[in-house]
Amino acid sequence: MIKVRNESDLRNWFKKNYKKLGFSKIIKSNSLGFPDFIMLKEGKKIRVELELESSNFILHNHSPKKVDLIICAIEDIKLKIPTLKIKNIKLIKFNQKAPYSLQELIFPLFKNELVLTTSEISRKLGISKGAAEKALTELTIKNKIDRIKKEGITLWLPKEKK
C-alpha cells in the first residue's frame, strides 16, 4: 500500500515509479508550474498533471488543452481528459497523524496574528515560499483559510468559525 499525505508525496512517489506506469523518461519536472511533468512514453512527449483527487484539476483552474494525462490517487469525478488512477494508494487524511503536515503547522501561526503573508509563514516554518504557497492554496481549496490578493502581496487569514 502506497501512503501519501499531499501532492508532494505523490510527486515523490511518481519520480521513483514512473517506469511502472509505462513511461521511459522524465523530460521535464515542473514543481511550481503546469503541467507537473513532461514525460516520454513510446517515443512521444506526454504532458502529465498529478492530482490527489481528479476534481483538483478543476479546482486548480488548469487548462485541459495543456495536458495529455491526469494521474490521480482518487478519481472522484470523471474528466474529459484521459485519467489514470493509481492502484494501491491510500490518502492520509488531514486529521490523521503523519510525520509532519505543513497544513497542520500553519494553523497555530494564526493564534498570535490575524493575517499573515506567504513570506512570514515561509520564514516562521523554515520552508520555501513555494512550499508555503502550495500548502496555503490547498487550505484555501479545502475552505479552511481565506486568501486576499493585493498588488505585490497575498494575505492569508483563517476562516471565521460559525
N, C-alpha and C. Protein backbone atom coordinates (compact mmCIF):
# COMPACT_ATOMS: atom_id res chain seq x y z
N MET A 1 0.84 -1.19 0.00
CA MET A 1 0.00 0.00 0.00
C MET A 1 0.89 1.25 0.00
N ILE A 2 0.61 2.16 -0.90
CA ILE A 2 1.33 3.43 -1.01
C ILE A 2 0.56 4.46 -0.18
N LYS A 3 1.26 5.15 0.73
CA LYS A 3 0.61 6.17 1.56
C LYS A 3 1.13 7.54 1.18
N VAL A 4 0.19 8.46 0.91
CA VAL A 4 0.57 9.83 0.59
C VAL A 4 -0.29 10.79 1.41
N ARG A 5 0.31 11.92 1.76
CA ARG A 5 -0.40 12.96 2.52
C ARG A 5 -0.85 14.09 1.62
N ASN A 6 -0.08 14.32 0.55
CA ASN A 6 -0.31 15.51 -0.27
C ASN A 6 0.28 15.28 -1.66
N GLU A 7 0.14 16.29 -2.50
CA GLU A 7 0.66 16.16 -3.86
C GLU A 7 2.17 16.04 -3.90
N SER A 8 2.84 16.61 -2.93
CA SER A 8 4.29 16.49 -2.87
C SER A 8 4.70 15.02 -2.67
N ASP A 9 4.00 14.32 -1.78
CA ASP A 9 4.27 12.89 -1.59
C ASP A 9 3.98 12.11 -2.87
N LEU A 10 2.87 12.45 -3.53
CA LEU A 10 2.51 11.78 -4.78
C LEU A 10 3.57 12.04 -5.84
N ARG A 11 4.04 13.25 -5.90
CA ARG A 11 5.10 13.63 -6.85
C ARG A 11 6.38 12.83 -6.60
N ASN A 12 6.77 12.72 -5.33
CA ASN A 12 7.97 11.95 -4.98
C ASN A 12 7.80 10.48 -5.35
N TRP A 13 6.63 9.92 -5.09
CA TRP A 13 6.36 8.53 -5.47
C TRP A 13 6.46 8.37 -6.99
N PHE A 14 5.86 9.32 -7.72
CA PHE A 14 5.85 9.25 -9.18
C PHE A 14 7.27 9.28 -9.74
N LYS A 15 8.12 10.15 -9.20
CA LYS A 15 9.50 10.25 -9.70
C LYS A 15 10.25 8.93 -9.57
N LYS A 16 9.93 8.16 -8.53
CA LYS A 16 10.60 6.87 -8.31
C LYS A 16 9.95 5.73 -9.09
N ASN A 17 8.68 5.88 -9.49
CA ASN A 17 7.93 4.75 -10.03
C ASN A 17 7.33 4.98 -11.42
N TYR A 18 7.74 6.04 -12.11
CA TYR A 18 7.12 6.36 -13.40
C TYR A 18 7.27 5.23 -14.42
N LYS A 19 8.35 4.46 -14.35
CA LYS A 19 8.54 3.38 -15.32
C LYS A 19 7.48 2.28 -15.15
N LYS A 20 6.99 2.09 -13.91
CA LYS A 20 5.93 1.11 -13.66
C LYS A 20 4.63 1.52 -14.35
N LEU A 21 4.50 2.79 -14.68
CA LEU A 21 3.30 3.31 -15.35
C LEU A 21 3.48 3.40 -16.86
N GLY A 22 4.61 2.87 -17.35
CA GLY A 22 4.82 2.81 -18.80
C GLY A 22 5.61 3.95 -19.41
N PHE A 23 6.09 4.87 -18.59
CA PHE A 23 6.90 5.98 -19.10
C PHE A 23 8.36 5.54 -19.14
N SER A 24 9.10 6.07 -20.11
CA SER A 24 10.51 5.69 -20.21
C SER A 24 11.45 6.76 -19.66
N LYS A 25 10.97 8.01 -19.58
CA LYS A 25 11.88 9.09 -19.17
C LYS A 25 11.10 10.30 -18.69
N ILE A 26 11.68 11.00 -17.71
CA ILE A 26 11.17 12.32 -17.32
C ILE A 26 11.92 13.34 -18.17
N ILE A 27 11.22 14.03 -19.04
CA ILE A 27 11.84 15.06 -19.86
C ILE A 27 11.95 16.35 -19.06
N LYS A 28 10.87 16.70 -18.35
CA LYS A 28 10.86 17.93 -17.55
C LYS A 28 9.97 17.73 -16.33
N SER A 29 10.48 18.20 -15.20
CA SER A 29 9.73 18.20 -13.95
C SER A 29 9.51 19.65 -13.55
N ASN A 30 8.27 20.02 -13.31
CA ASN A 30 7.93 21.40 -13.03
C ASN A 30 7.18 21.46 -11.70
N SER A 31 7.89 21.69 -10.60
CA SER A 31 7.26 21.62 -9.28
C SER A 31 6.33 22.79 -8.96
N LEU A 32 6.52 23.93 -9.59
CA LEU A 32 5.66 25.07 -9.29
C LEU A 32 4.78 25.50 -10.46
N GLY A 33 4.87 24.80 -11.57
CA GLY A 33 4.10 25.20 -12.74
C GLY A 33 3.16 24.11 -13.22
N PHE A 34 2.66 24.28 -14.41
CA PHE A 34 1.71 23.37 -15.02
C PHE A 34 2.15 23.09 -16.45
N PRO A 35 2.14 21.86 -16.89
CA PRO A 35 1.84 20.65 -16.13
C PRO A 35 3.02 20.22 -15.26
N ASP A 36 2.75 19.26 -14.38
CA ASP A 36 3.78 18.83 -13.43
C ASP A 36 4.98 18.18 -14.13
N PHE A 37 4.70 17.39 -15.15
CA PHE A 37 5.77 16.66 -15.83
C PHE A 37 5.54 16.65 -17.34
N ILE A 38 6.64 16.58 -18.06
CA ILE A 38 6.60 16.20 -19.47
C ILE A 38 7.39 14.90 -19.52
N MET A 39 6.70 13.85 -19.95
CA MET A 39 7.25 12.51 -19.91
C MET A 39 7.44 11.97 -21.33
N LEU A 40 8.25 10.93 -21.43
CA LEU A 40 8.43 10.23 -22.70
C LEU A 40 7.79 8.86 -22.55
N LYS A 41 6.90 8.54 -23.49
CA LYS A 41 6.23 7.23 -23.50
C LYS A 41 6.09 6.79 -24.94
N GLU A 42 6.70 5.67 -25.26
CA GLU A 42 6.66 5.12 -26.62
C GLU A 42 7.10 6.15 -27.66
N GLY A 43 8.14 6.92 -27.31
CA GLY A 43 8.70 7.91 -28.21
C GLY A 43 7.91 9.21 -28.33
N LYS A 44 6.83 9.35 -27.57
CA LYS A 44 6.01 10.56 -27.63
C LYS A 44 6.12 11.35 -26.33
N LYS A 45 6.07 12.67 -26.45
CA LYS A 45 6.03 13.53 -25.27
C LYS A 45 4.61 13.56 -24.74
N ILE A 46 4.47 13.33 -23.44
CA ILE A 46 3.16 13.32 -22.78
C ILE A 46 3.20 14.33 -21.64
N ARG A 47 2.27 15.28 -21.67
CA ARG A 47 2.16 16.28 -20.59
C ARG A 47 1.29 15.70 -19.50
N VAL A 48 1.88 15.56 -18.29
CA VAL A 48 1.22 14.87 -17.18
C VAL A 48 0.98 15.83 -16.02
N GLU A 49 -0.22 15.80 -15.48
CA GLU A 49 -0.57 16.55 -14.27
C GLU A 49 -0.93 15.56 -13.18
N LEU A 50 -0.30 15.71 -12.01
CA LEU A 50 -0.61 14.86 -10.86
C LEU A 50 -1.62 15.58 -9.98
N GLU A 51 -2.61 14.85 -9.51
CA GLU A 51 -3.60 15.39 -8.58
C GLU A 51 -3.94 14.31 -7.56
N LEU A 52 -4.11 14.70 -6.31
CA LEU A 52 -4.57 13.73 -5.32
C LEU A 52 -5.96 13.24 -5.70
N GLU A 53 -6.84 14.18 -5.98
CA GLU A 53 -8.21 13.87 -6.40
C GLU A 53 -8.41 14.48 -7.78
N SER A 54 -9.09 13.75 -8.65
CA SER A 54 -9.27 14.26 -10.01
C SER A 54 -9.98 15.61 -10.02
N SER A 55 -10.86 15.87 -9.07
CA SER A 55 -11.58 17.15 -9.01
C SER A 55 -10.64 18.33 -8.78
N ASN A 56 -9.45 18.08 -8.22
CA ASN A 56 -8.49 19.17 -8.01
C ASN A 56 -8.05 19.80 -9.32
N PHE A 57 -8.12 19.04 -10.41
CA PHE A 57 -7.76 19.60 -11.71
C PHE A 57 -8.65 20.80 -12.02
N ILE A 58 -9.93 20.67 -11.72
CA ILE A 58 -10.88 21.77 -11.93
C ILE A 58 -10.65 22.87 -10.89
N LEU A 59 -10.47 22.48 -9.62
CA LEU A 59 -10.27 23.46 -8.55
C LEU A 59 -9.02 24.32 -8.78
N HIS A 60 -8.00 23.74 -9.38
CA HIS A 60 -6.75 24.47 -9.64
C HIS A 60 -6.83 25.30 -10.93
N ASN A 61 -7.97 25.26 -11.59
CA ASN A 61 -8.19 26.02 -12.83
C ASN A 61 -7.18 25.69 -13.92
N HIS A 62 -6.83 24.42 -14.06
CA HIS A 62 -5.90 24.01 -15.10
C HIS A 62 -6.60 23.98 -16.46
N SER A 63 -5.85 24.22 -17.49
CA SER A 63 -6.38 24.19 -18.85
C SER A 63 -6.31 22.77 -19.42
N PRO A 64 -7.44 22.21 -19.80
CA PRO A 64 -7.45 20.86 -20.40
C PRO A 64 -6.64 20.78 -21.70
N LYS A 65 -6.45 21.92 -22.35
CA LYS A 65 -5.72 21.94 -23.62
C LYS A 65 -4.21 21.81 -23.44
N LYS A 66 -3.73 21.98 -22.20
CA LYS A 66 -2.29 21.96 -21.95
C LYS A 66 -1.81 20.71 -21.24
N VAL A 67 -2.64 19.67 -21.22
CA VAL A 67 -2.26 18.42 -20.56
C VAL A 67 -2.80 17.24 -21.37
N ASP A 68 -2.05 16.13 -21.35
CA ASP A 68 -2.47 14.94 -22.09
C ASP A 68 -3.00 13.84 -21.17
N LEU A 69 -2.56 13.85 -19.90
CA LEU A 69 -2.93 12.79 -18.96
C LEU A 69 -2.93 13.33 -17.54
N ILE A 70 -3.95 12.96 -16.79
CA ILE A 70 -4.00 13.26 -15.36
C ILE A 70 -3.77 11.94 -14.63
N ILE A 71 -2.87 11.98 -13.65
CA ILE A 71 -2.63 10.81 -12.80
C ILE A 71 -3.09 11.20 -11.41
N CYS A 72 -3.98 10.38 -10.82
CA CYS A 72 -4.54 10.74 -9.53
C CYS A 72 -4.57 9.55 -8.58
N ALA A 73 -4.73 9.87 -7.28
CA ALA A 73 -4.89 8.84 -6.25
C ALA A 73 -6.36 8.45 -6.14
N ILE A 74 -7.23 9.45 -6.28
CA ILE A 74 -8.67 9.23 -6.15
C ILE A 74 -9.36 9.87 -7.35
N GLU A 75 -10.12 9.08 -8.07
CA GLU A 75 -10.87 9.62 -9.20
C GLU A 75 -12.30 9.90 -8.71
N ASP A 76 -12.47 11.09 -8.10
CA ASP A 76 -13.76 11.44 -7.52
C ASP A 76 -14.74 12.04 -8.53
N ILE A 77 -14.22 12.50 -9.67
CA ILE A 77 -15.09 12.91 -10.78
C ILE A 77 -14.45 12.44 -12.08
N LYS A 78 -15.29 12.21 -13.07
CA LYS A 78 -14.80 11.84 -14.40
C LYS A 78 -14.52 13.13 -15.18
N LEU A 79 -13.35 13.17 -15.77
CA LEU A 79 -12.95 14.32 -16.58
C LEU A 79 -12.93 13.92 -18.05
N LYS A 80 -12.95 14.90 -18.92
CA LYS A 80 -12.89 14.63 -20.36
C LYS A 80 -11.47 14.40 -20.84
N ILE A 81 -10.53 14.45 -19.91
CA ILE A 81 -9.12 14.24 -20.20
C ILE A 81 -8.77 12.82 -19.76
N PRO A 82 -7.94 12.09 -20.51
CA PRO A 82 -7.55 10.75 -20.04
C PRO A 82 -6.99 10.83 -18.62
N THR A 83 -7.49 9.94 -17.76
CA THR A 83 -7.12 9.94 -16.34
C THR A 83 -6.68 8.55 -15.94
N LEU A 84 -5.57 8.48 -15.22
CA LEU A 84 -5.05 7.21 -14.71
C LEU A 84 -5.10 7.26 -13.19
N LYS A 85 -5.89 6.35 -12.59
CA LYS A 85 -5.95 6.25 -11.14
C LYS A 85 -4.90 5.24 -10.69
N ILE A 86 -4.05 5.65 -9.78
CA ILE A 86 -3.01 4.76 -9.27
C ILE A 86 -3.64 3.76 -8.32
N LYS A 87 -3.35 2.50 -8.52
CA LYS A 87 -3.89 1.44 -7.66
C LYS A 87 -3.06 1.35 -6.39
N ASN A 88 -3.66 0.80 -5.35
CA ASN A 88 -2.99 0.54 -4.06
C ASN A 88 -2.43 1.80 -3.42
N ILE A 89 -3.16 2.88 -3.50
CA ILE A 89 -2.71 4.12 -2.89
C ILE A 89 -3.70 4.50 -1.80
N LYS A 90 -3.17 4.98 -0.70
CA LYS A 90 -4.01 5.41 0.41
C LYS A 90 -3.67 6.85 0.74
N LEU A 91 -4.69 7.67 0.76
CA LEU A 91 -4.52 9.07 1.10
C LEU A 91 -4.66 9.22 2.61
N ILE A 92 -3.61 9.75 3.24
CA ILE A 92 -3.66 10.03 4.68
C ILE A 92 -4.41 11.34 4.82
N LYS A 93 -5.58 11.27 5.42
CA LYS A 93 -6.44 12.45 5.53
C LYS A 93 -5.84 13.49 6.47
N PHE A 94 -6.35 14.71 6.35
CA PHE A 94 -5.84 15.85 7.11
C PHE A 94 -5.80 15.60 8.61
N ASN A 95 -6.79 14.90 9.16
CA ASN A 95 -6.84 14.70 10.61
C ASN A 95 -6.08 13.46 11.08
N GLN A 96 -5.50 12.69 10.15
CA GLN A 96 -4.68 11.56 10.54
C GLN A 96 -3.26 12.04 10.81
N LYS A 97 -2.59 11.40 11.73
CA LYS A 97 -1.23 11.80 12.06
C LYS A 97 -0.26 11.32 10.99
N ALA A 98 0.55 12.23 10.55
CA ALA A 98 1.60 11.95 9.58
C ALA A 98 2.89 12.46 10.20
N PRO A 99 4.05 12.07 9.68
CA PRO A 99 5.30 12.56 10.26
C PRO A 99 5.31 14.08 10.38
N TYR A 100 4.76 14.78 9.42
CA TYR A 100 4.59 16.23 9.51
C TYR A 100 3.56 16.62 8.47
N SER A 101 2.91 17.70 8.70
CA SER A 101 1.97 18.23 7.74
C SER A 101 2.09 19.74 7.77
N LEU A 102 2.50 20.32 6.67
CA LEU A 102 2.63 21.78 6.61
C LEU A 102 1.31 22.45 6.95
N GLN A 103 0.23 21.86 6.50
CA GLN A 103 -1.07 22.45 6.76
C GLN A 103 -1.35 22.50 8.27
N GLU A 104 -1.01 21.44 8.97
CA GLU A 104 -1.21 21.42 10.42
C GLU A 104 -0.28 22.41 11.13
N LEU A 105 0.89 22.62 10.58
CA LEU A 105 1.83 23.56 11.19
C LEU A 105 1.44 25.02 10.95
N ILE A 106 0.66 25.27 9.92
CA ILE A 106 0.27 26.64 9.59
C ILE A 106 -0.77 27.19 10.57
N PHE A 107 -1.75 26.38 10.95
CA PHE A 107 -2.85 26.88 11.79
C PHE A 107 -2.40 27.54 13.09
N PRO A 108 -1.45 26.97 13.85
CA PRO A 108 -1.04 27.63 15.09
C PRO A 108 -0.44 29.03 14.89
N LEU A 109 0.06 29.31 13.70
CA LEU A 109 0.63 30.63 13.43
C LEU A 109 -0.42 31.73 13.49
N PHE A 110 -1.68 31.38 13.25
CA PHE A 110 -2.75 32.38 13.26
C PHE A 110 -3.23 32.70 14.68
N LYS A 111 -2.75 31.99 15.69
CA LYS A 111 -3.17 32.27 17.07
C LYS A 111 -2.66 33.63 17.53
N ASN A 112 -1.47 34.02 17.09
CA ASN A 112 -0.88 35.28 17.51
C ASN A 112 -1.14 36.42 16.53
N GLU A 113 -1.50 36.09 15.29
CA GLU A 113 -1.71 37.12 14.28
C GLU A 113 -2.93 36.76 13.44
N LEU A 114 -3.76 37.75 13.17
CA LEU A 114 -4.98 37.52 12.40
C LEU A 114 -4.70 37.31 10.92
N VAL A 115 -3.72 38.04 10.39
CA VAL A 115 -3.38 37.99 8.97
C VAL A 115 -1.89 37.74 8.83
N LEU A 116 -1.54 36.83 7.89
CA LEU A 116 -0.13 36.53 7.62
C LEU A 116 0.13 36.59 6.12
N THR A 117 1.37 36.87 5.76
CA THR A 117 1.77 36.81 4.36
C THR A 117 2.47 35.48 4.10
N THR A 118 2.62 35.15 2.84
CA THR A 118 3.33 33.93 2.46
C THR A 118 4.77 33.98 2.98
N SER A 119 5.42 35.13 2.86
CA SER A 119 6.81 35.27 3.33
C SER A 119 6.92 35.03 4.83
N GLU A 120 5.96 35.55 5.59
CA GLU A 120 6.00 35.35 7.04
C GLU A 120 5.86 33.88 7.40
N ILE A 121 4.94 33.19 6.75
CA ILE A 121 4.73 31.77 7.02
C ILE A 121 5.96 30.98 6.61
N SER A 122 6.53 31.31 5.46
CA SER A 122 7.74 30.66 4.99
C SER A 122 8.87 30.80 6.01
N ARG A 123 9.07 32.02 6.49
CA ARG A 123 10.14 32.29 7.45
C ARG A 123 9.89 31.58 8.79
N LYS A 124 8.67 31.64 9.30
CA LYS A 124 8.36 31.05 10.61
C LYS A 124 8.47 29.53 10.60
N LEU A 125 8.16 28.90 9.47
CA LEU A 125 8.24 27.44 9.39
C LEU A 125 9.56 26.94 8.82
N GLY A 126 10.39 27.87 8.33
CA GLY A 126 11.67 27.48 7.75
C GLY A 126 11.52 26.68 6.47
N ILE A 127 10.55 27.07 5.64
CA ILE A 127 10.31 26.38 4.37
C ILE A 127 10.38 27.41 3.24
N SER A 128 10.42 26.92 2.01
CA SER A 128 10.47 27.83 0.86
C SER A 128 9.12 28.54 0.71
N LYS A 129 9.15 29.67 0.03
CA LYS A 129 7.91 30.40 -0.25
C LYS A 129 6.99 29.56 -1.13
N GLY A 130 7.57 28.79 -2.05
CA GLY A 130 6.77 27.93 -2.92
C GLY A 130 6.03 26.86 -2.14
N ALA A 131 6.72 26.23 -1.17
CA ALA A 131 6.08 25.21 -0.34
C ALA A 131 4.97 25.83 0.51
N ALA A 132 5.24 27.01 1.05
CA ALA A 132 4.23 27.71 1.86
C ALA A 132 3.02 28.05 1.00
N GLU A 133 3.27 28.59 -0.19
CA GLU A 133 2.19 28.98 -1.10
C GLU A 133 1.32 27.77 -1.46
N LYS A 134 1.96 26.64 -1.73
CA LYS A 134 1.23 25.43 -2.11
C LYS A 134 0.35 24.95 -0.96
N ALA A 135 0.90 24.88 0.26
CA ALA A 135 0.13 24.44 1.42
C ALA A 135 -1.03 25.41 1.70
N LEU A 136 -0.77 26.70 1.58
CA LEU A 136 -1.80 27.71 1.81
C LEU A 136 -2.90 27.61 0.75
N THR A 137 -2.52 27.38 -0.49
CA THR A 137 -3.51 27.22 -1.56
C THR A 137 -4.37 26.00 -1.31
N GLU A 138 -3.76 24.89 -0.88
CA GLU A 138 -4.54 23.68 -0.56
C GLU A 138 -5.53 23.95 0.57
N LEU A 139 -5.10 24.71 1.58
CA LEU A 139 -6.01 25.07 2.68
C LEU A 139 -7.15 25.96 2.19
N THR A 140 -6.86 26.81 1.22
CA THR A 140 -7.91 27.66 0.65
C THR A 140 -8.91 26.81 -0.12
N ILE A 141 -8.42 25.87 -0.90
CA ILE A 141 -9.29 24.97 -1.67
C ILE A 141 -10.16 24.16 -0.72
N LYS A 142 -9.60 23.75 0.42
CA LYS A 142 -10.36 22.98 1.41
C LYS A 142 -11.26 23.86 2.28
N ASN A 143 -11.29 25.15 1.96
CA ASN A 143 -12.15 26.12 2.64
C ASN A 143 -11.78 26.29 4.12
N LYS A 144 -10.48 26.18 4.44
CA LYS A 144 -10.02 26.34 5.82
C LYS A 144 -9.51 27.75 6.09
N ILE A 145 -8.98 28.41 5.04
CA ILE A 145 -8.48 29.78 5.18
C ILE A 145 -8.94 30.60 3.98
N ASP A 146 -8.84 31.91 4.11
CA ASP A 146 -9.16 32.83 3.02
C ASP A 146 -7.89 33.46 2.49
N ARG A 147 -7.93 33.84 1.23
CA ARG A 147 -6.80 34.49 0.57
C ARG A 147 -7.28 35.85 0.04
N ILE A 148 -6.48 36.86 0.32
CA ILE A 148 -6.74 38.18 -0.24
C ILE A 148 -5.51 38.57 -1.04
N LYS A 149 -5.70 38.76 -2.34
CA LYS A 149 -4.58 39.14 -3.21
C LYS A 149 -4.59 40.65 -3.39
N LYS A 150 -3.47 41.26 -3.09
CA LYS A 150 -3.27 42.67 -3.32
C LYS A 150 -2.08 42.79 -4.26
N GLU A 151 -1.91 43.94 -4.86
CA GLU A 151 -0.79 44.12 -5.78
C GLU A 151 0.53 43.87 -5.05
N GLY A 152 1.24 42.83 -5.49
CA GLY A 152 2.55 42.53 -4.94
C GLY A 152 2.55 41.70 -3.65
N ILE A 153 1.37 41.34 -3.13
CA ILE A 153 1.35 40.59 -1.87
C ILE A 153 0.06 39.76 -1.77
N THR A 154 0.16 38.63 -1.09
CA THR A 154 -1.01 37.81 -0.79
C THR A 154 -1.15 37.72 0.72
N LEU A 155 -2.34 37.98 1.21
CA LEU A 155 -2.63 37.90 2.64
C LEU A 155 -3.49 36.67 2.91
N TRP A 156 -3.21 36.01 4.01
CA TRP A 156 -3.92 34.79 4.39
C TRP A 156 -4.55 34.99 5.75
N LEU A 157 -5.79 34.52 5.93
CA LEU A 157 -6.43 34.62 7.23
C LEU A 157 -7.34 33.41 7.43
N PRO A 158 -7.47 32.98 8.68
CA PRO A 158 -8.31 31.80 8.93
C PRO A 158 -9.79 32.11 8.69
N LYS A 159 -10.54 31.09 8.31
CA LYS A 159 -11.99 31.25 8.14
C LYS A 159 -12.60 31.50 9.49
N GLU A 160 -13.62 32.32 9.52
CA GLU A 160 -14.34 32.55 10.77
C GLU A 160 -15.18 31.33 11.07
N LYS A 161 -15.16 30.88 12.32
CA LYS A 161 -15.98 29.74 12.72
C LYS A 161 -17.38 30.25 13.00
N LYS A 162 -18.35 29.52 12.47
CA LYS A 162 -19.74 29.95 12.62
C LYS A 162 -20.47 29.07 13.59
